[in-house]
Amino acid sequence: METRNLRKERVGVVMSNKMEKSIVVAVKRKVKHPIYGKYVNKTTKFVAHDDKNECSIGDTVSIMETRPLSKTKRWRLVEILEKVK
């Protein structure tokens, strides 16, 4: 039997935790401008599932791709890498 494809993982910062069992994670990446060649910071926001409601705003977290859990949730919390002080 074949193994499953590896799911995508991202590391980002929690921007919002106001929803029940959900967090918004901002993931930064650098993209090269097609004409000027300068690297520009781009931010993508992902809605992720936080089953235990343990994240707070400013935490650095790791999220993993999963099956669709709602209209916008396709990611789940894997671990909290760094708690905010």
Protein backbone atom coordinates (compact mmCIF):
# COMPACT_ATOMS: atom_id res chain seq x y z
CA MET A 1 0.00 0.00 0.00
CA GLU A 2 1.31 3.45 -0.90
CA THR A 3 1.91 6.12 1.70
CA ARG A 4 -0.16 9.29 1.69
CA ASN A 5 1.15 12.49 0.18
CA LEU A 6 2.86 14.77 2.64
CA ARG A 7 0.59 17.57 3.74
CA LYS A 8 1.74 21.17 3.58
CA GLU A 9 2.99 22.75 6.78
CA ARG A 10 3.36 26.45 7.50
CA VAL A 11 4.75 28.48 10.41
CA GLY A 12 3.11 31.77 11.29
CA VAL A 13 1.87 34.16 13.97
CA VAL A 14 -1.64 34.08 15.47
CA MET A 15 -3.50 37.27 14.52
CA SER A 16 -6.95 36.49 15.97
CA ASN A 17 -8.46 33.96 18.38
CA LYS A 18 -11.93 35.46 18.82
CA MET A 19 -13.72 32.50 17.21
CA GLU A 20 -14.61 29.32 19.05
CA LYS A 21 -11.99 26.63 18.25
CA SER A 22 -10.55 28.71 15.38
CA ILE A 23 -7.54 30.96 14.92
CA VAL A 24 -6.29 33.21 12.12
CA VAL A 25 -2.60 32.66 11.34
CA ALA A 26 -0.54 35.11 9.25
CA VAL A 27 2.24 33.45 7.26
CA LYS A 28 4.99 35.62 5.76
CA ARG A 29 6.93 34.73 2.62
CA LYS A 30 9.38 36.51 0.33
CA VAL A 31 8.51 36.81 -3.37
CA LYS A 32 10.78 38.16 -6.08
CA HIS A 33 9.24 41.03 -8.05
CA PRO A 34 8.94 39.92 -11.70
CA ILE A 35 10.28 43.16 -13.22
CA TYR A 36 12.51 44.82 -10.62
CA GLY A 37 13.95 41.70 -9.01
CA LYS A 38 13.52 43.02 -5.47
CA TYR A 39 12.27 40.57 -2.85
CA VAL A 40 8.95 41.73 -1.38
CA ASN A 41 7.29 40.46 1.81
CA LYS A 42 3.85 38.92 1.21
CA THR A 43 1.46 37.88 3.99
CA THR A 44 -1.21 35.21 3.68
CA LYS A 45 -3.85 34.62 6.36
CA PHE A 46 -5.08 31.09 7.07
CA VAL A 47 -8.02 30.12 9.27
CA ALA A 48 -6.94 27.09 11.32
CA HIS A 49 -8.68 24.70 13.72
CA ASP A 50 -7.59 25.00 17.37
CA ASP A 51 -9.41 22.16 19.12
CA LYS A 52 -8.42 23.09 22.70
CA ASN A 53 -8.59 26.91 22.39
CA GLU A 54 -5.01 27.13 23.70
CA CYS A 55 -3.57 29.80 21.36
CA SER A 56 -3.34 33.48 22.18
CA ILE A 57 -2.63 36.45 19.92
CA GLY A 58 1.07 36.75 19.05
CA ASP A 59 1.94 33.06 19.48
CA THR A 60 4.16 31.47 16.84
CA VAL A 61 2.47 28.27 15.68
CA SER A 62 2.83 25.46 13.17
CA ILE A 63 -0.23 24.56 11.07
CA MET A 64 -0.88 21.64 8.71
CA GLU A 65 -3.22 21.21 5.76
CA THR A 66 -6.27 19.02 6.42
CA ARG A 67 -9.67 18.17 4.98
CA PRO A 68 -12.20 21.03 4.74
CA LEU A 69 -13.64 21.61 8.22
CA SER A 70 -15.88 24.55 7.25
CA LYS A 71 -16.29 27.14 4.49
CA THR A 72 -12.89 28.71 5.19
CA LYS A 73 -11.04 26.24 7.47
CA ARG A 74 -8.62 23.89 5.69
CA TRP A 75 -5.77 23.98 8.20
CA ARG A 76 -5.29 22.66 11.74
CA LEU A 77 -2.96 23.54 14.58
CA VAL A 78 -0.02 21.16 14.97
CA GLU A 79 1.91 22.78 17.82
CA ILE A 80 2.67 26.07 19.52
CA LEU A 81 6.32 26.85 18.84
CA GLU A 82 6.59 29.97 21.01
CA LYS A 83 4.14 31.49 23.49
CA VAL A 84 3.81 35.27 23.69
CA LYS A 85 4.97 36.82 26.95
